[in-house]
C-alpha atoms as a PDB file:
ATOM      1  CA  MET A   1     128.238  25.902  85.232  1.00  0.00           C
ATOM      2  CA  SER A   2     129.570  22.369  84.522  1.00  0.00           C
ATOM      3  CA  LYS A   3     129.608  20.793  81.089  1.00  0.00           C
ATOM      4  CA  GLN A   4     127.141  18.141  82.234  1.00  0.00           C
ATOM      5  CA  ALA A   5     124.701  20.787  83.466  1.00  0.00           C
ATOM      6  CA  ASN A   6     125.036  22.667  80.163  1.00  0.00           C
ATOM      7  CA  GLN A   7     124.249  19.520  78.195  1.00  0.00           C
ATOM      8  CA  LYS A   8     121.219  18.859  80.382  1.00  0.00           C
ATOM      9  CA  GLU A   9     119.889  22.377  79.855  1.00  0.00           C
ATOM     10  CA  THR A  10     120.480  22.144  76.107  1.00  0.00           C
ATOM     11  CA  LYS A  11     118.580  18.848  75.988  1.00  0.00           C
ATOM     12  CA  THR A  12     115.700  20.396  77.964  1.00  0.00           C
ATOM     13  CA  ALA A  13     115.642  23.351  75.551  1.00  0.00           C
ATOM     14  CA  ARG A  14     115.417  20.960  72.607  1.00  0.00           C
ATOM     15  CA  VAL A  15     112.490  19.113  74.174  1.00  0.00           C
ATOM     16  CA  LYS A  16     110.709  22.433  74.694  1.00  0.00           C
ATOM     17  CA  GLY A  17     111.602  23.318  71.125  1.00  0.00           C
ATOM     18  CA  PHE A  18     109.806  20.216  69.823  1.00  0.00           C
ATOM     19  CA  ARG A  19     106.738  21.130  71.888  1.00  0.00           C
ATOM     20  CA  LEU A  20     106.788  24.666  70.509  1.00  0.00           C
ATOM     21  CA  LEU A  21     107.223  23.226  67.019  1.00  0.00           C
ATOM     22  CA  ILE A  22     104.086  21.100  67.340  1.00  0.00           C
ATOM     23  CA  VAL A  23     101.981  23.882  68.867  1.00  0.00           C
ATOM     24  CA  SER A  24     103.096  26.451  66.283  1.00  0.00           C
ATOM     25  CA  LEU A  25     102.421  24.010  63.420  1.00  0.00           C
ATOM     26  CA  VAL A  26      98.847  23.594  64.644  1.00  0.00           C
ATOM     27  CA  LEU A  27      98.504  27.371  64.921  1.00  0.00           C
ATOM     28  CA  VAL A  28      99.784  27.805  61.360  1.00  0.00           C
ATOM     29  CA  LEU A  29      97.161  25.396  60.028  1.00  0.00           C
ATOM     30  CA  VAL A  30      94.299  26.918  62.034  1.00  0.00           C
ATOM     31  CA  SER A  31      95.219  30.512  61.207  1.00  0.00           C
ATOM     32  CA  SER A  32      95.638  29.627  57.507  1.00  0.00           C
ATOM     33  CA  PHE A  33      92.087  28.303  57.334  1.00  0.00           C
ATOM     34  CA  TYR A  34      90.814  31.343  59.219  1.00  0.00           C
ATOM     35  CA  VAL A  35      92.622  33.748  56.870  1.00  0.00           C
ATOM     36  CA  GLY A  36      91.091  32.019  53.843  1.00  0.00           C
ATOM     37  CA  TRP A  37      87.607  32.282  55.319  1.00  0.00           C
ATOM     38  CA  ALA A  38      88.013  35.934  56.378  1.00  0.00           C
ATOM     39  CA  LYS A  39      89.327  37.001  52.977  1.00  0.00           C
ATOM     40  CA  GLN A  40      86.383  35.460  51.159  1.00  0.00           C
ATOM     41  CA  SER A  41      83.779  36.848  53.535  1.00  0.00           C
ATOM     42  CA  THR A  42      84.303  39.920  55.695  1.00  0.00           C
ATOM     43  CA  TYR A  43      87.289  41.357  53.794  1.00  0.00           C
ATOM     44  CA  GLN A  44      85.496  41.260  50.431  1.00  0.00           C
ATOM     45  CA  GLN A  45      82.585  43.100  52.057  1.00  0.00           C
ATOM     46  CA  SER A  46      85.018  45.710  53.389  1.00  0.00           C
ATOM     47  CA  GLN A  47      86.273  46.355  49.837  1.00  0.00           C
ATOM     48  CA  ILE A  48      82.727  47.057  48.680  1.00  0.00           C
ATOM     49  CA  ILE A  49      82.303  49.463  51.587  1.00  0.00           C
ATOM     50  CA  GLY A  50      85.644  51.018  50.637  1.00  0.00           C
ATOM     51  CA  SER A  51      84.403  51.772  47.118  1.00  0.00           C
ATOM     52  CA  GLU A  52      81.327  53.467  48.563  1.00  0.00           C
ATOM     53  CA  LEU A  53      83.522  55.418  50.966  1.00  0.00           C
ATOM     54  CA  ASN A  54      85.737  56.669  48.132  1.00  0.00           C
ATOM     55  CA  SER A  55      82.655  57.839  46.257  1.00  0.00           C
ATOM     56  CA  VAL A  56      81.345  59.721  49.284  1.00  0.00           C
ATOM     57  CA  LYS A  57      84.737  61.332  49.933  1.00  0.00           C
ATOM     58  CA  SER A  58      84.912  62.453  46.311  1.00  0.00           C
ATOM     59  CA  LYS A  59      81.495  64.123  46.669  1.00  0.00           C
ATOM     60  CA  ILE A  60      82.621  65.842  49.889  1.00  0.00           C
ATOM     61  CA  LYS A  61      85.757  67.150  48.187  1.00  0.00           C
ATOM     62  CA  SER A  62      83.753  68.372  45.204  1.00  0.00           C
ATOM     63  CA  ILE A  63      81.332  70.279  47.442  1.00  0.00           C
ATOM     64  CA  GLU A  64      84.124  71.792  49.529  1.00  0.00           C
ATOM     65  CA  GLU A  65      85.842  73.005  46.351  1.00  0.00           C
ATOM     66  CA  GLY A  66      82.576  74.567  45.143  1.00  0.00           C
ATOM     67  CA  LYS A  67      82.304  72.319  42.081  1.00  0.00           C
ATOM     68  CA  SER A  68      78.980  70.813  43.103  1.00  0.00           C
ATOM     69  CA  GLU A  69      76.191  71.138  45.666  1.00  0.00           C
ATOM     70  CA  GLY A  70      74.910  68.805  48.349  1.00  0.00           C
ATOM     71  CA  ASN A  71      74.303  68.256  52.056  1.00  0.00           C
ATOM     72  CA  LEU A  72      77.863  68.346  53.348  1.00  0.00           C
ATOM     73  CA  GLU A  73      76.924  67.488  56.939  1.00  0.00           C
ATOM     74  CA  ASN A  74      75.027  64.336  55.959  1.00  0.00           C
ATOM     75  CA  LEU A  75      77.812  63.245  53.642  1.00  0.00           C
ATOM     76  CA  LYS A  76      80.385  63.589  56.438  1.00  0.00           C
ATOM     77  CA  LYS A  77      78.205  61.519  58.752  1.00  0.00           C
ATOM     78  CA  THR A  78      77.873  58.884  56.029  1.00  0.00           C
ATOM     79  CA  SER A  79      81.642  58.923  55.534  1.00  0.00           C
ATOM     80  CA  ALA A  80      82.282  58.395  59.248  1.00  0.00           C
ATOM     81  CA  SER A  81      79.735  55.566  59.369  1.00  0.00           C
ATOM     82  CA  LEU A  82      81.230  53.826  56.333  1.00  0.00           C
ATOM     83  CA  SER A  83      84.742  54.194  57.758  1.00  0.00           C
ATOM     84  CA  GLU A  84      83.710  52.482  60.990  1.00  0.00           C
ATOM     85  CA  GLU A  85      81.963  49.695  59.099  1.00  0.00           C
ATOM     86  CA  LYS A  86      84.972  49.180  56.809  1.00  0.00           C
ATOM     87  CA  LEU A  87      87.295  48.996  59.796  1.00  0.00           C
ATOM     88  CA  ARG A  88      85.042  46.452  61.521  1.00  0.00           C
ATOM     89  CA  LEU A  89      84.964  44.206  58.458  1.00  0.00           C
ATOM     90  CA  GLU A  90      88.746  44.433  57.950  1.00  0.00           C
ATOM     91  CA  ARG A  91      89.623  43.267  61.460  1.00  0.00           C
ATOM     92  CA  PRO A  92      89.032  39.481  61.055  1.00  0.00           C
ATOM     93  CA  TYR A  93      91.330  39.245  58.017  1.00  0.00           C
ATOM     94  CA  SER A  94      94.022  41.396  59.643  1.00  0.00           C
ATOM     95  CA  PHE A  95      93.870  39.468  62.930  1.00  0.00           C
ATOM     96  CA  GLY A  96      94.097  36.199  61.011  1.00  0.00           C
ATOM     97  CA  LEU A  97      97.124  37.308  58.975  1.00  0.00           C
ATOM     98  CA  THR A  98      98.868  38.574  62.096  1.00  0.00           C
ATOM     99  CA  ALA A  99      98.237  35.272  63.879  1.00  0.00           C
ATOM    100  CA  LEU A 100      99.537  33.388  60.834  1.00  0.00           C
ATOM    101  CA  PHE A 101     102.777  35.407  60.681  1.00  0.00           C
ATOM    102  CA  LEU A 102     103.302  35.032  64.435  1.00  0.00           C
ATOM    103  CA  SER A 103     102.737  31.275  64.151  1.00  0.00           C
ATOM    104  CA  ILE A 104     105.337  31.041  61.379  1.00  0.00           C
ATOM    105  CA  VAL A 105     107.886  32.916  63.519  1.00  0.00           C
ATOM    106  CA  LEU A 106     107.203  30.559  66.444  1.00  0.00           C
ATOM    107  CA  LEU A 107     107.479  27.602  64.068  1.00  0.00           C
ATOM    108  CA  ILE A 108     110.942  28.753  62.966  1.00  0.00           C
ATOM    109  CA  LYS A 109     111.977  29.354  66.572  1.00  0.00           C
ATOM    110  CA  GLY A 110     110.689  25.926  67.629  1.00  0.00           C
ATOM    111  CA  LEU A 111     112.565  24.273  64.772  1.00  0.00           C
ATOM    112  CA  TYR A 112     115.772  26.119  65.708  1.00  0.00           C
ATOM    113  CA  ASN A 113     115.482  25.171  69.396  1.00  0.00           C
ATOM    114  CA  ALA A 114     114.647  21.556  68.572  1.00  0.00           C
ATOM    115  CA  LEU A 115     117.630  21.103  66.268  1.00  0.00           C
ATOM    116  CA  ILE A 116     120.250  23.302  67.922  1.00  0.00           C
ATOM    117  CA  GLY A 117     119.020  24.090  71.421  1.00  0.00           C
ATOM    118  CA  VAL A 118     119.564  27.314  73.364  1.00  0.00           C
ATOM    119  CA  HIS A 119     122.825  28.434  74.931  1.00  0.00           C
ATOM    120  CA  PRO A 120     122.451  28.472  78.767  1.00  0.00           C
ATOM    121  CA  ALA A 121     123.484  32.129  78.876  1.00  0.00           C
ATOM    122  CA  LEU A 122     120.477  32.981  76.709  1.00  0.00           C
ATOM    123  CA  GLN A 123     117.840  31.253  78.836  1.00  0.00           C
ATOM    124  CA  LEU A 124     115.082  33.751  79.587  1.00  0.00           C
ATOM    125  CA  ASP A 125     114.241  34.702  83.143  1.00  0.00           C
ATOM    126  CA  VAL A 126     111.672  37.003  84.744  1.00  0.00           C
ATOM    127  CA  ARG A 127     113.832  40.079  84.128  1.00  0.00           C
ATOM    128  CA  HIS A 128     113.995  39.421  80.382  1.00  0.00           C
ATOM    129  CA  LEU A 129     110.242  38.865  80.150  1.00  0.00           C
ATOM    130  CA  ALA A 130     109.468  41.915  82.272  1.00  0.00           C
ATOM    131  CA  MET A 131     111.762  44.110  80.176  1.00  0.00           C
ATOM    132  CA  ALA A 132     110.271  42.721  76.957  1.00  0.00           C
ATOM    133  CA  GLY A 133     106.741  43.448  78.162  1.00  0.00           C
ATOM    134  CA  PHE A 134     107.743  46.955  79.213  1.00  0.00           C
ATOM    135  CA  MET A 135     109.364  47.699  75.835  1.00  0.00           C
ATOM    136  CA  ALA A 136     106.340  46.321  73.977  1.00  0.00           C
ATOM    137  CA  ALA A 137     104.148  48.699  75.975  1.00  0.00           C
ATOM    138  CA  LEU A 138     106.422  51.633  75.127  1.00  0.00           C
ATOM    139  CA  CYS A 139     106.279  50.713  71.430  1.00  0.00           C
ATOM    140  CA  TYR A 140     102.494  50.704  71.601  1.00  0.00           C
ATOM    141  CA  ILE A 141     102.387  54.053  73.392  1.00  0.00           C
ATOM    142  CA  GLY A 142     104.932  55.582  71.012  1.00  0.00           C
ATOM    143  CA  PHE A 143     102.749  54.681  68.041  1.00  0.00           C
ATOM    144  CA  ALA A 144      99.214  54.941  69.387  1.00  0.00           C
ATOM    145  CA  PHE A 145      99.573  58.225  71.290  1.00  0.00           C
ATOM    146  CA  PHE A 146     102.526  60.032  69.708  1.00  0.00           C
ATOM    147  CA  LYS A 147     101.700  60.164  66.012  1.00  0.00           C
ATOM    148  CA  ILE A 148     100.515  62.553  63.310  1.00  0.00           C
ATOM    149  CA  ASP A 149      98.134  60.894  60.840  1.00  0.00           C
ATOM    150  CA  ILE A 150      98.342  61.567  57.111  1.00  0.00           C
ATOM    151  CA  PRO A 151      95.246  60.325  55.202  1.00  0.00           C
ATOM    152  CA  VAL A 152      95.930  58.804  51.762  1.00  0.00           C
ATOM    153  CA  GLY A 153      92.585  57.913  50.197  1.00  0.00           C
ATOM    154  CA  THR A 154      90.889  55.384  52.471  1.00  0.00           C
ATOM    155  CA  GLU A 155      94.268  54.474  54.015  1.00  0.00           C
ATOM    156  CA  LYS A 156      96.622  56.311  56.396  1.00  0.00           C
ATOM    157  CA  THR A 157     100.311  56.719  57.119  1.00  0.00           C
ATOM    158  CA  ALA A 158     101.853  58.566  60.057  1.00  0.00           C
ATOM    159  CA  PHE A 159     104.806  60.246  61.700  1.00  0.00           C
ATOM    160  CA  HIS A 160     105.247  58.462  65.052  1.00  0.00           C
ATOM    161  CA  LEU A 161     107.681  57.514  67.839  1.00  0.00           C
ATOM    162  CA  GLY A 162     107.067  53.768  67.878  1.00  0.00           C
ATOM    163  CA  ASN A 163     110.283  52.929  66.021  1.00  0.00           C
ATOM    164  CA  VAL A 164     112.316  54.650  68.737  1.00  0.00           C
ATOM    165  CA  PHE A 165     111.370  52.015  71.298  1.00  0.00           C
ATOM    166  CA  CYS A 166     111.442  49.201  68.753  1.00  0.00           C
ATOM    167  CA  VAL A 167     115.144  49.908  68.154  1.00  0.00           C
ATOM    168  CA  LEU A 168     115.807  50.515  71.861  1.00  0.00           C
ATOM    169  CA  ALA A 169     114.291  47.113  72.695  1.00  0.00           C
ATOM    170  CA  ALA A 170     116.751  45.387  70.361  1.00  0.00           C
ATOM    171  CA  LEU A 171     119.680  47.261  71.905  1.00  0.00           C
ATOM    172  CA  LEU A 172     118.640  46.251  75.416  1.00  0.00           C
ATOM    173  CA  LEU A 173     117.350  42.721  74.819  1.00  0.00           C
ATOM    174  CA  GLY A 174     119.000  41.492  71.641  1.00  0.00           C
ATOM    175  CA  GLY A 175     117.619  40.882  68.170  1.00  0.00           C
ATOM    176  CA  TYR A 176     115.041  38.137  68.699  1.00  0.00           C
ATOM    177  CA  LEU A 177     113.474  39.086  72.017  1.00  0.00           C
ATOM    178  CA  GLY A 178     113.811  42.830  71.413  1.00  0.00           C
ATOM    179  CA  GLY A 179     112.495  42.519  67.875  1.00  0.00           C
ATOM    180  CA  LEU A 180     109.571  40.422  69.078  1.00  0.00           C
ATOM    181  CA  ALA A 181     108.769  43.000  71.784  1.00  0.00           C
ATOM    182  CA  GLY A 182     108.801  45.790  69.199  1.00  0.00           C
ATOM    183  CA  ALA A 183     106.747  43.755  66.736  1.00  0.00           C
ATOM    184  CA  VAL A 184     104.097  42.862  69.308  1.00  0.00           C
ATOM    185  CA  GLY A 185     103.819  46.401  70.673  1.00  0.00           C
ATOM    186  CA  MET A 186     103.591  48.061  67.259  1.00  0.00           C
ATOM    187  CA  THR A 187     101.201  45.407  65.930  1.00  0.00           C
ATOM    188  CA  ILE A 188      98.832  45.902  68.848  1.00  0.00           C
ATOM    189  CA  GLY A 189      99.012  49.630  68.071  1.00  0.00           C
ATOM    190  CA  ASP A 190      97.836  48.891  64.520  1.00  0.00           C
ATOM    191  CA  LEU A 191      95.136  46.407  65.532  1.00  0.00           C
ATOM    192  CA  THR A 192      93.562  48.843  68.003  1.00  0.00           C
ATOM    193  CA  THR A 193      93.549  51.860  65.655  1.00  0.00           C
ATOM    194  CA  ALA A 194      92.573  52.707  62.089  1.00  0.00           C
ATOM    195  CA  TYR A 195      95.789  51.026  60.862  1.00  0.00           C
ATOM    196  CA  VAL A 196      94.378  47.534  61.362  1.00  0.00           C
ATOM    197  CA  THR A 197      95.131  46.338  57.807  1.00  0.00           C
ATOM    198  CA  SER A 198      98.814  47.248  58.275  1.00  0.00           C
ATOM    199  CA  ALA A 199      99.203  45.029  61.363  1.00  0.00           C
ATOM    200  CA  PRO A 200     100.513  41.863  59.622  1.00  0.00           C
ATOM    201  CA  LYS A 201     103.084  43.864  57.630  1.00  0.00           C
ATOM    202  CA  THR A 202     104.062  45.786  60.749  1.00  0.00           C
ATOM    203  CA  PHE A 203     104.703  42.580  62.681  1.00  0.00           C
ATOM    204  CA  ILE A 204     107.179  41.262  60.113  1.00  0.00           C
ATOM    205  CA  LEU A 205     108.974  44.556  59.460  1.00  0.00           C
ATOM    206  CA  LYS A 206     109.424  45.503  63.123  1.00  0.00           C
ATOM    207  CA  LEU A 207     110.695  42.018  63.921  1.00  0.00           C
ATOM    208  CA  MET A 208     113.199  42.392  61.075  1.00  0.00           C
ATOM    209  CA  ILE A 209     114.313  45.780  62.412  1.00  0.00           C
ATOM    210  CA  GLY A 210     114.987  44.193  65.790  1.00  0.00           C
ATOM    211  CA  LEU A 211     116.879  41.272  64.261  1.00  0.00           C
ATOM    212  CA  ILE A 212     119.088  43.596  62.188  1.00  0.00           C
ATOM    213  CA  VAL A 213     119.843  45.933  65.096  1.00  0.00           C
ATOM    214  CA  GLY A 214     120.552  42.935  67.333  1.00  0.00           C
ATOM    215  CA  LEU A 215     122.774  41.302  64.698  1.00  0.00           C
ATOM    216  CA  VAL A 216     124.951  44.389  64.282  1.00  0.00           C
ATOM    217  CA  ALA A 217     124.992  45.462  67.944  1.00  0.00           C
ATOM    218  CA  HIS A 218     125.337  42.115  69.715  1.00  0.00           C
ATOM    219  CA  LYS A 219     126.341  39.366  67.302  1.00  0.00           C
ATOM    220  CA  ILE A 220     128.982  41.358  65.445  1.00  0.00           C
ATOM    221  CA  PHE A 221     130.162  44.019  67.909  1.00  0.00           C
ATOM    222  CA  LYS A 222     129.177  42.403  71.266  1.00  0.00           C
ATOM    223  CA  LEU A 223     127.664  45.640  72.591  1.00  0.00           C
ATOM    224  CA  SER A 224     126.472  44.122  75.877  1.00  0.00           C
ATOM    225  CA  LYS A 225     130.052  43.434  76.946  1.00  0.00           C
ATOM    226  CA  ALA A 226     132.266  46.141  78.435  1.00  0.00           C
ATOM    227  CA  HIS A 227     133.888  48.592  76.011  1.00  0.00           C
ATOM    228  CA  THR A 228     135.176  52.146  75.927  1.00  0.00           C
ATOM    229  CA  ARG A 229     132.572  54.890  75.708  1.00  0.00           C
ATOM    230  CA  LYS A 230     133.616  55.849  72.163  1.00  0.00           C
ATOM    231  CA  TYR A 231     133.172  52.255  71.029  1.00  0.00           C
ATOM    232  CA  ILE A 232     129.710  52.031  72.606  1.00  0.00           C
ATOM    233  CA  ILE A 233     128.571  55.306  71.034  1.00  0.00           C
ATOM    234  CA  GLY A 234     129.828  54.260  67.596  1.00  0.00           C
ATOM    235  CA  VAL A 235     128.260  50.791  67.693  1.00  0.00           C
ATOM    236  CA  THR A 236     124.961  52.141  69.040  1.00  0.00           C
ATOM    237  CA  ILE A 237     124.632  54.674  66.235  1.00  0.00           C
ATOM    238  CA  LEU A 238     125.775  52.159  63.603  1.00  0.00           C
ATOM    239  CA  SER A 239     123.343  49.420  64.669  1.00  0.00           C
ATOM    240  CA  THR A 240     120.345  51.763  64.946  1.00  0.00           C
ATOM    241  CA  THR A 241     121.190  53.250  61.550  1.00  0.00           C
ATOM    242  CA  CYS A 242     121.348  49.780  59.959  1.00  0.00           C
ATOM    243  CA  GLY A 243     117.939  48.861  61.359  1.00  0.00           C
ATOM    244  CA  MET A 244     116.313  52.101  60.255  1.00  0.00           C
ATOM    245  CA  LEU A 245     118.023  52.065  56.855  1.00  0.00           C
ATOM    246  CA  PHE A 246     116.431  48.680  56.259  1.00  0.00           C
ATOM    247  CA  ASN A 247     113.049  50.099  57.236  1.00  0.00           C
ATOM    248  CA  VAL A 248     113.399  53.138  54.948  1.00  0.00           C
ATOM    249  CA  PHE A 249     113.645  50.848  51.917  1.00  0.00           C
ATOM    250  CA  ALA A 250     111.576  47.885  53.093  1.00  0.00           C
ATOM    251  CA  ASP A 251     108.495  49.654  54.473  1.00  0.00           C
ATOM    252  CA  PRO A 252     107.353  51.400  51.266  1.00  0.00           C
ATOM    253  CA  THR A 253     108.506  48.529  49.025  1.00  0.00           C
ATOM    254  CA  VAL A 254     106.942  45.714  51.041  1.00  0.00           C
ATOM    255  CA  GLY A 255     103.909  47.908  51.681  1.00  0.00           C
ATOM    256  CA  TYR A 256     103.408  48.433  47.946  1.00  0.00           C
ATOM    257  CA  PHE A 257     103.286  44.724  47.128  1.00  0.00           C
ATOM    258  CA  TYR A 258     101.421  43.912  50.351  1.00  0.00           C
ATOM    259  CA  LYS A 259      98.597  46.292  49.451  1.00  0.00           C
ATOM    260  CA  ILE A 260      98.330  45.011  45.884  1.00  0.00           C
ATOM    261  CA  TYR A 261      98.620  41.251  46.402  1.00  0.00           C
ATOM    262  CA  VAL A 262      97.378  40.787  49.974  1.00  0.00           C
ATOM    263  CA  LEU A 263      94.872  43.601  50.442  1.00  0.00           C
ATOM    264  CA  GLY A 264      93.782  43.832  46.800  1.00  0.00           C
ATOM    265  CA  ILE A 265      94.227  47.620  46.561  1.00  0.00           C
ATOM    266  CA  PRO A 266      94.546  49.042  42.998  1.00  0.00           C
ATOM    267  CA  GLN A 267      98.129  49.557  41.821  1.00  0.00           C
ATOM    268  CA  GLN A 268      97.726  53.312  41.284  1.00  0.00           C
ATOM    269  CA  ILE A 269      96.511  53.883  44.858  1.00  0.00           C
ATOM    270  CA  ALA A 270      99.226  51.588  46.242  1.00  0.00           C
ATOM    271  CA  SER A 271     101.851  53.573  44.333  1.00  0.00           C
ATOM    272  CA  VAL A 272     100.667  56.911  45.756  1.00  0.00           C
ATOM    273  CA  PHE A 273     100.560  55.409  49.243  1.00  0.00           C
ATOM    274  CA  ALA A 274     104.104  54.030  48.856  1.00  0.00           C
ATOM    275  CA  LYS A 275     105.413  57.524  48.046  1.00  0.00           C
ATOM    276  CA  TRP A 276     103.831  59.016  51.156  1.00  0.00           C
ATOM    277  CA  THR A 277     105.053  56.080  53.229  1.00  0.00           C
ATOM    278  CA  ALA A 278     108.613  56.633  51.980  1.00  0.00           C
ATOM    279  CA  LEU A 279     108.482  60.207  53.292  1.00  0.00           C
ATOM    280  CA  THR A 280     107.074  59.376  56.718  1.00  0.00           C
ATOM    281  CA  THR A 281     109.375  56.361  57.102  1.00  0.00           C
ATOM    282  CA  PHE A 282     112.454  58.479  56.350  1.00  0.00           C
ATOM    283  CA  VAL A 283     111.508  61.086  58.962  1.00  0.00           C
ATOM    284  CA  ASN A 284     110.613  58.382  61.499  1.00  0.00           C
ATOM    285  CA  ALA A 285     114.000  56.723  60.857  1.00  0.00           C
ATOM    286  CA  ILE A 286     115.991  59.884  61.586  1.00  0.00           C
ATOM    287  CA  VAL A 287     114.057  60.460  64.808  1.00  0.00           C
ATOM    288  CA  ALA A 288     114.503  56.816  65.851  1.00  0.00           C
ATOM    289  CA  VAL A 289     118.281  56.779  65.308  1.00  0.00           C
ATOM    290  CA  ILE A 290     118.804  59.955  67.320  1.00  0.00           C
ATOM    291  CA  ALA A 291     116.334  59.273  70.140  1.00  0.00           C
ATOM    292  CA  ALA A 292     117.059  55.537  70.580  1.00  0.00           C
ATOM    293  CA  SER A 293     120.820  56.176  70.691  1.00  0.00           C
ATOM    294  CA  ILE A 294     120.412  58.897  73.316  1.00  0.00           C
ATOM    295  CA  PHE A 295     118.097  56.723  75.423  1.00  0.00           C
ATOM    296  CA  TYR A 296     120.396  53.688  75.271  1.00  0.00           C
ATOM    297  CA  LEU A 297     123.536  55.644  76.115  1.00  0.00           C
ATOM    298  CA  ALA A 298     121.741  57.212  79.090  1.00  0.00           C
ATOM    299  CA  LEU A 299     120.158  53.962  80.300  1.00  0.00           C
ATOM    300  CA  ARG A 300     123.199  51.686  79.946  1.00  0.00           C
ATOM    301  CA  PRO A 301     125.271  53.001  82.892  1.00  0.00           C
ATOM    302  CA  ALA A 302     122.152  53.390  85.053  1.00  0.00           C
ATOM    303  CA  LEU A 303     121.080  49.789  84.403  1.00  0.00           C
ATOM    304  CA  LYS A 304     124.615  48.542  85.112  1.00  0.00           C
ATOM    305  CA  LYS A 305     124.746  50.335  88.471  1.00  0.00           C
ATOM    306  CA  SER A 306     121.343  48.982  89.484  1.00  0.00           C
ATOM    307  CA  GLY A 307     122.175  45.435  88.383  1.00  0.00           C
ATOM    308  CA  LEU A 308     119.394  45.409  85.772  1.00  0.00           C
ATOM    309  CA  PHE A 309     121.608  45.359  82.685  1.00  0.00           C
ATOM    310  CA  LEU A 310     120.790  42.098  80.890  1.00  0.00           C
ATOM    311  CA  ALA A 311     123.298  39.799  79.203  1.00  0.00           C
ATOM    312  CA  VAL A 312     122.713  39.362  75.485  1.00  0.00           C
ATOM    313  CA  SER A 313     125.856  37.674  74.150  1.00  0.00           C
ATOM    314  CA  PRO A 314     126.264  33.978  75.086  1.00  0.00           C
ATOM    315  CA  GLU A 315     129.896  34.604  76.026  1.00  0.00           C
ATOM    316  CA  GLU A 316     128.961  37.140  78.681  1.00  0.00           C
ATOM    317  CA  GLU A 317     128.840  36.025  82.295  1.00  0.00           C
ATOM    318  CA  ALA A 318     127.928  38.187  85.253  1.00  0.00           C
ATOM    319  CA  HIS A 319     131.249  37.871  87.081  1.00  0.00           C
ATOM    320  CA  ASP A 320     133.378  38.495  84.009  1.00  0.00           C
ATOM    321  CA  ASN A 321     131.167  41.394  82.998  1.00  0.00           C
ATOM    322  CA  LYS A 322     131.493  43.071  86.385  1.00  0.00           C
ATOM    323  CA  THR A 323     135.265  42.628  86.415  1.00  0.00           C
ATOM    324  CA  SER A 324     135.774  43.883  82.873  1.00  0.00           C
ATOM    325  CA  ASP A 325     133.435  46.825  83.516  1.00  0.00           C
ATOM    326  CA  ASN A 326     135.597  47.992  86.401  1.00  0.00           C
ATOM    327  CA  ALA A 327     138.709  47.751  84.256  1.00  0.00           C
ATOM    328  CA  SER A 328     137.078  49.513  81.326  1.00  0.00           C
ATOM    329  CA  GLU A 329     135.596  52.314  83.394  1.00  0.00           C
ATOM    330  CA  ALA A 330     139.013  52.993  84.896  1.00  0.00           C
ATOM    331  CA  LYS A 331     140.349  53.692  81.383  1.00  0.00           C
ATOM    332  CA  ASP A 332     137.351  55.356  79.744  1.00  0.00           C
ATOM    333  CA  PRO A 333     134.161  55.522  81.847  1.00  0.00           C
ATOM    334  CA  GLU A 334     130.896  54.716  80.095  1.00  0.00           C
ATOM    335  CA  ASN A 335     128.879  57.062  82.253  1.00  0.00           C
END
């Protein structure tokens, strides 16, 4: 591509960046007002329901332990009804926070594009969008259908497979697009289940996981370019480990402060929840590193042969990639 064509595309990207900047700024303002309204109305009502739910659960536990008497069946029905009502009242606040965080991310992206532009090699096409949508769906499925719930008071944590595909998305698509795919898929999983209040936190943390994996894999070690098999294995494991190591520390820590200062949960309950979250996050991280690395190493040669392997690094061009792949595979085949 000529220098003049590159400059034209960069200018077009900047114009689109300004448009995105304006739209995202409006979304930030609208979602901020909505969050303020939801917190003062429906979310405060959900906290009252939560107190009633805790009381009912305490009575159920007391009866089951033989410390008191009561109609256990009616209490369980009341508990289920209160749980549904609490979840319904929590949704507006959680949806608003999620929209606000997404708007802020788009605002940052719009500002970046407007000031710097986008390298022509990183322009998105249908393949990138299709792959991103597919990975977001896998993240949703991995969380929504492959999880083991662990109740902690009125809240929950879980062992799940969502992080596997969140990391895999970053390996295949790069930090921003892969991280966004993982964040969207996992957030939808929260918003459509009993984890609705965790959705805003999930969006930020999963995006950060993607950005870290993408930074290590593609910005530092240029994983999408041709390398020896040993190099690819090492970088894949290293980048997935970095992303999951971040999550092991960030999830319980951010979750602790998020529950106290955003959700208004008492400090003692938030502390207990953080301890359980640390355990589940650690197990989820080990599974994600192993499974995502295996999946990527298996998919990489197959995607290359089918012509579906997507460029991530700006320096990578299709012709150079094909030529270097042939030379590399002659020395140390990837597949």
